[in-house]
């Protein structure tokens, strides 16, 4: 997870998804251990003590990560940030409507960039100042 978050174009959206995805997976694994479902654990010492200790440790990690990244979890992102090419233009601010309308027709950007990476390109930043600025703030 750390390596994924250190990539060049990592954003706060990426961080939120990776961190909270990892926390959710830890919780899923903890629940599996407690219910004695060892699908994710090939070689498992499934003694009651081992299950209790590991589940408690996972619970501690989950609580620590939730506490440490509570601000990230609370962040709200512009809903069209990830799907700029698909958003209904009537549902967004007038300031962004024209730029997003043009962006949705920009074949260069549609071909080379997907999802949030579209906003990280210099091409997009230069062509669609206002929308790009708003998304980079998020």
C-alpha atoms as a PDB file:
ATOM      1  CA  UNK A   1       0.000   0.000   0.000  1.00  0.00           C
ATOM      2  CA  UNK A   2       2.807   2.415   0.888  1.00  0.00           C
ATOM      3  CA  UNK A   3       4.467   1.856  -2.480  1.00  0.00           C
ATOM      4  CA  UNK A   4       1.180   2.501  -4.316  1.00  0.00           C
ATOM      5  CA  UNK A   5       0.701   5.799  -2.496  1.00  0.00           C
ATOM      6  CA  UNK A   6       4.207   7.013  -3.357  1.00  0.00           C
ATOM      7  CA  UNK A   7       3.714   6.877  -7.122  1.00  0.00           C
ATOM      8  CA  UNK A   8       4.172  10.103  -9.057  1.00  0.00           C
ATOM      9  CA  UNK A   9       0.534  11.015  -9.706  1.00  0.00           C
ATOM     10  CA  UNK A  10      -1.010   9.773  -6.463  1.00  0.00           C
ATOM     11  CA  UNK A  11      -3.879  11.956  -5.266  1.00  0.00           C
ATOM     12  CA  UNK A  12      -5.906  12.283  -2.096  1.00  0.00           C
ATOM     13  CA  UNK A  13      -8.633  10.268  -3.831  1.00  0.00           C
ATOM     14  CA  UNK A  14      -6.079   7.480  -4.339  1.00  0.00           C
ATOM     15  CA  UNK A  15      -4.972   7.705  -0.718  1.00  0.00           C
ATOM     16  CA  UNK A  16      -8.538   7.555   0.568  1.00  0.00           C
ATOM     17  CA  UNK A  17      -9.371   4.547  -1.609  1.00  0.00           C
ATOM     18  CA  UNK A  18      -6.173   2.614  -0.803  1.00  0.00           C
ATOM     19  CA  UNK A  19      -6.117   3.244   2.931  1.00  0.00           C
ATOM     20  CA  UNK A  20      -9.783   2.643   3.571  1.00  0.00           C
ATOM     21  CA  UNK A  21      -9.814  -0.294   1.162  1.00  0.00           C
ATOM     22  CA  UNK A  22      -7.016  -1.844   3.219  1.00  0.00           C
ATOM     23  CA  UNK A  23      -8.887  -1.190   6.474  1.00  0.00           C
ATOM     24  CA  UNK A  24     -11.994  -2.809   5.013  1.00  0.00           C
ATOM     25  CA  UNK A  25      -9.956  -5.856   3.947  1.00  0.00           C
ATOM     26  CA  UNK A  26      -8.433  -6.141   7.449  1.00  0.00           C
ATOM     27  CA  UNK A  27     -11.929  -6.058   8.902  1.00  0.00           C
ATOM     28  CA  UNK A  28     -13.073  -8.703   6.411  1.00  0.00           C
ATOM     29  CA  UNK A  29     -10.139 -10.967   7.344  1.00  0.00           C
ATOM     30  CA  UNK A  30     -10.727 -10.439  11.063  1.00  0.00           C
ATOM     31  CA  UNK A  31     -14.377 -11.415  10.649  1.00  0.00           C
ATOM     32  CA  UNK A  32     -13.326 -14.511   8.682  1.00  0.00           C
ATOM     33  CA  UNK A  33     -10.947 -15.555  11.454  1.00  0.00           C
ATOM     34  CA  UNK A  34     -13.599 -15.075  14.104  1.00  0.00           C
ATOM     35  CA  UNK A  35     -16.087 -17.126  12.079  1.00  0.00           C
ATOM     36  CA  UNK A  36     -13.402 -19.795  11.422  1.00  0.00           C
ATOM     37  CA  UNK A  37     -13.363 -19.238   7.677  1.00  0.00           C
ATOM     38  CA  UNK A  38      -9.714 -19.455   6.637  1.00  0.00           C
ATOM     39  CA  UNK A  39     -10.005 -18.839   2.894  1.00  0.00           C
ATOM     40  CA  UNK A  40      -7.247 -16.201   2.860  1.00  0.00           C
ATOM     41  CA  UNK A  41      -4.937 -18.150   5.125  1.00  0.00           C
ATOM     42  CA  UNK A  42      -3.378 -21.240   3.538  1.00  0.00           C
ATOM     43  CA  UNK A  43      -1.354 -22.465   6.496  1.00  0.00           C
ATOM     44  CA  UNK A  44      -3.214 -21.551   9.609  1.00  0.00           C
ATOM     45  CA  UNK A  45      -2.788 -22.633  13.196  1.00  0.00           C
ATOM     46  CA  UNK A  46      -6.473 -22.419  13.923  1.00  0.00           C
ATOM     47  CA  UNK A  47      -6.289 -22.835  17.657  1.00  0.00           C
ATOM     48  CA  UNK A  48      -8.683 -20.730  19.661  1.00  0.00           C
ATOM     49  CA  UNK A  49      -5.794 -18.791  21.234  1.00  0.00           C
ATOM     50  CA  UNK A  50      -4.228 -17.980  17.847  1.00  0.00           C
ATOM     51  CA  UNK A  51      -7.598 -16.857  16.473  1.00  0.00           C
ATOM     52  CA  UNK A  52      -8.237 -14.637  19.482  1.00  0.00           C
ATOM     53  CA  UNK A  53      -4.772 -13.056  19.491  1.00  0.00           C
ATOM     54  CA  UNK A  54      -4.677 -12.391  15.754  1.00  0.00           C
ATOM     55  CA  UNK A  55      -8.249 -11.081  15.625  1.00  0.00           C
ATOM     56  CA  UNK A  56      -7.444  -8.731  18.536  1.00  0.00           C
ATOM     57  CA  UNK A  57      -4.289  -7.536  16.776  1.00  0.00           C
ATOM     58  CA  UNK A  58      -6.247  -6.910  13.561  1.00  0.00           C
ATOM     59  CA  UNK A  59      -8.867  -4.983  15.540  1.00  0.00           C
ATOM     60  CA  UNK A  60      -6.089  -2.833  17.015  1.00  0.00           C
ATOM     61  CA  UNK A  61      -4.708  -2.128  13.519  1.00  0.00           C
ATOM     62  CA  UNK A  62      -8.172  -1.260  12.206  1.00  0.00           C
ATOM     63  CA  UNK A  63      -8.809   1.151  15.085  1.00  0.00           C
ATOM     64  CA  UNK A  64      -5.352   2.720  14.726  1.00  0.00           C
ATOM     65  CA  UNK A  65      -5.719   3.256  10.980  1.00  0.00           C
ATOM     66  CA  UNK A  66      -9.251   4.639  11.353  1.00  0.00           C
ATOM     67  CA  UNK A  67      -8.055   7.061  14.030  1.00  0.00           C
ATOM     68  CA  UNK A  68      -4.944   8.079  12.128  1.00  0.00           C
ATOM     69  CA  UNK A  69      -6.788   8.704   8.852  1.00  0.00           C
ATOM     70  CA  UNK A  70     -10.154   9.948  10.131  1.00  0.00           C
ATOM     71  CA  UNK A  71      -9.655  13.277   8.344  1.00  0.00           C
ATOM     72  CA  UNK A  72      -9.079  11.521   5.034  1.00  0.00           C
ATOM     73  CA  UNK A  73     -12.193   9.402   5.509  1.00  0.00           C
ATOM     74  CA  UNK A  74     -14.256  12.535   6.157  1.00  0.00           C
ATOM     75  CA  UNK A  75     -13.059  14.277   2.967  1.00  0.00           C
ATOM     76  CA  UNK A  76     -15.729  14.915   0.375  1.00  0.00           C
ATOM     77  CA  UNK A  77     -14.651  15.012  -3.248  1.00  0.00           C
ATOM     78  CA  UNK A  78     -16.408  16.586  -6.189  1.00  0.00           C
ATOM     79  CA  UNK A  79     -18.617  13.780  -7.436  1.00  0.00           C
ATOM     80  CA  UNK A  80     -17.597  14.372 -11.059  1.00  0.00           C
ATOM     81  CA  UNK A  81     -13.898  14.198 -10.250  1.00  0.00           C
ATOM     82  CA  UNK A  82     -13.532  10.543 -11.279  1.00  0.00           C
ATOM     83  CA  UNK A  83     -16.068  10.520 -14.100  1.00  0.00           C
ATOM     84  CA  UNK A  84     -15.660  13.868 -15.824  1.00  0.00           C
ATOM     85  CA  UNK A  85     -16.445  12.339 -19.207  1.00  0.00           C
ATOM     86  CA  UNK A  86     -19.768  10.867 -18.048  1.00  0.00           C
ATOM     87  CA  UNK A  87     -21.208  13.485 -15.687  1.00  0.00           C
ATOM     88  CA  UNK A  88     -24.578  15.115 -16.384  1.00  0.00           C
ATOM     89  CA  UNK A  89     -23.617  18.736 -17.032  1.00  0.00           C
ATOM     90  CA  UNK A  90     -26.903  20.132 -15.720  1.00  0.00           C
ATOM     91  CA  UNK A  91     -26.022  18.828 -12.256  1.00  0.00           C
ATOM     92  CA  UNK A  92     -22.790  20.822 -11.816  1.00  0.00           C
ATOM     93  CA  UNK A  93     -21.939  24.463 -11.243  1.00  0.00           C
ATOM     94  CA  UNK A  94     -22.236  26.849 -14.160  1.00  0.00           C
ATOM     95  CA  UNK A  95     -18.560  27.741 -13.826  1.00  0.00           C
ATOM     96  CA  UNK A  96     -17.545  24.203 -14.738  1.00  0.00           C
ATOM     97  CA  UNK A  97     -20.240  23.378 -17.289  1.00  0.00           C
ATOM     98  CA  UNK A  98     -18.530  24.905 -20.321  1.00  0.00           C
ATOM     99  CA  UNK A  99     -15.121  23.431 -19.515  1.00  0.00           C
ATOM    100  CA  UNK A 100     -16.540  19.976 -18.834  1.00  0.00           C
ATOM    101  CA  UNK A 101     -18.626  20.148 -21.998  1.00  0.00           C
ATOM    102  CA  UNK A 102     -15.447  20.851 -23.985  1.00  0.00           C
ATOM    103  CA  UNK A 103     -13.499  18.246 -22.036  1.00  0.00           C
ATOM    104  CA  UNK A 104     -16.105  15.587 -22.841  1.00  0.00           C
ATOM    105  CA  UNK A 105     -15.467  16.237 -26.537  1.00  0.00           C
ATOM    106  CA  UNK A 106     -11.668  16.388 -26.291  1.00  0.00           C
ATOM    107  CA  UNK A 107     -10.550  13.238 -28.129  1.00  0.00           C
ATOM    108  CA  UNK A 108      -6.896  13.598 -27.102  1.00  0.00           C
ATOM    109  CA  UNK A 109      -7.670  13.631 -23.389  1.00  0.00           C
ATOM    110  CA  UNK A 110     -10.332  10.915 -23.691  1.00  0.00           C
ATOM    111  CA  UNK A 111      -7.868   8.632 -25.455  1.00  0.00           C
ATOM    112  CA  UNK A 112      -4.867   9.020 -23.189  1.00  0.00           C
ATOM    113  CA  UNK A 113      -6.277   9.626 -19.727  1.00  0.00           C
ATOM    114  CA  UNK A 114      -8.832   7.734 -17.667  1.00  0.00           C
ATOM    115  CA  UNK A 115     -10.567   8.628 -14.412  1.00  0.00           C
ATOM    116  CA  UNK A 116      -8.795  11.033 -12.135  1.00  0.00           C
ATOM    117  CA  UNK A 117      -5.521  11.000 -14.104  1.00  0.00           C
ATOM    118  CA  UNK A 118      -7.126  13.282 -16.669  1.00  0.00           C
ATOM    119  CA  UNK A 119      -6.894  16.160 -14.170  1.00  0.00           C
ATOM    120  CA  UNK A 120      -3.198  15.552 -13.518  1.00  0.00           C
ATOM    121  CA  UNK A 121      -2.154  16.108 -17.114  1.00  0.00           C
ATOM    122  CA  UNK A 122      -0.614  19.427 -18.121  1.00  0.00           C
ATOM    123  CA  UNK A 123      -2.796  19.373 -21.241  1.00  0.00           C
ATOM    124  CA  UNK A 124      -5.939  19.421 -19.107  1.00  0.00           C
ATOM    125  CA  UNK A 125      -4.528  22.009 -16.727  1.00  0.00           C
ATOM    126  CA  UNK A 126      -3.737  24.341 -19.621  1.00  0.00           C
ATOM    127  CA  UNK A 127      -7.044  23.904 -21.458  1.00  0.00           C
ATOM    128  CA  UNK A 128      -9.530  23.698 -18.570  1.00  0.00           C
ATOM    129  CA  UNK A 129      -8.182  26.050 -15.912  1.00  0.00           C
ATOM    130  CA  UNK A 130     -11.147  26.374 -13.562  1.00  0.00           C
ATOM    131  CA  UNK A 131     -12.225  22.716 -13.488  1.00  0.00           C
ATOM    132  CA  UNK A 132      -8.647  21.525 -13.223  1.00  0.00           C
ATOM    133  CA  UNK A 133      -7.971  23.919 -10.346  1.00  0.00           C
ATOM    134  CA  UNK A 134     -11.055  22.694  -8.442  1.00  0.00           C
ATOM    135  CA  UNK A 135     -10.138  19.047  -8.865  1.00  0.00           C
ATOM    136  CA  UNK A 136      -6.504  19.608  -7.882  1.00  0.00           C
ATOM    137  CA  UNK A 137      -7.724  21.223  -4.658  1.00  0.00           C
ATOM    138  CA  UNK A 138      -9.590  18.011  -3.912  1.00  0.00           C
END
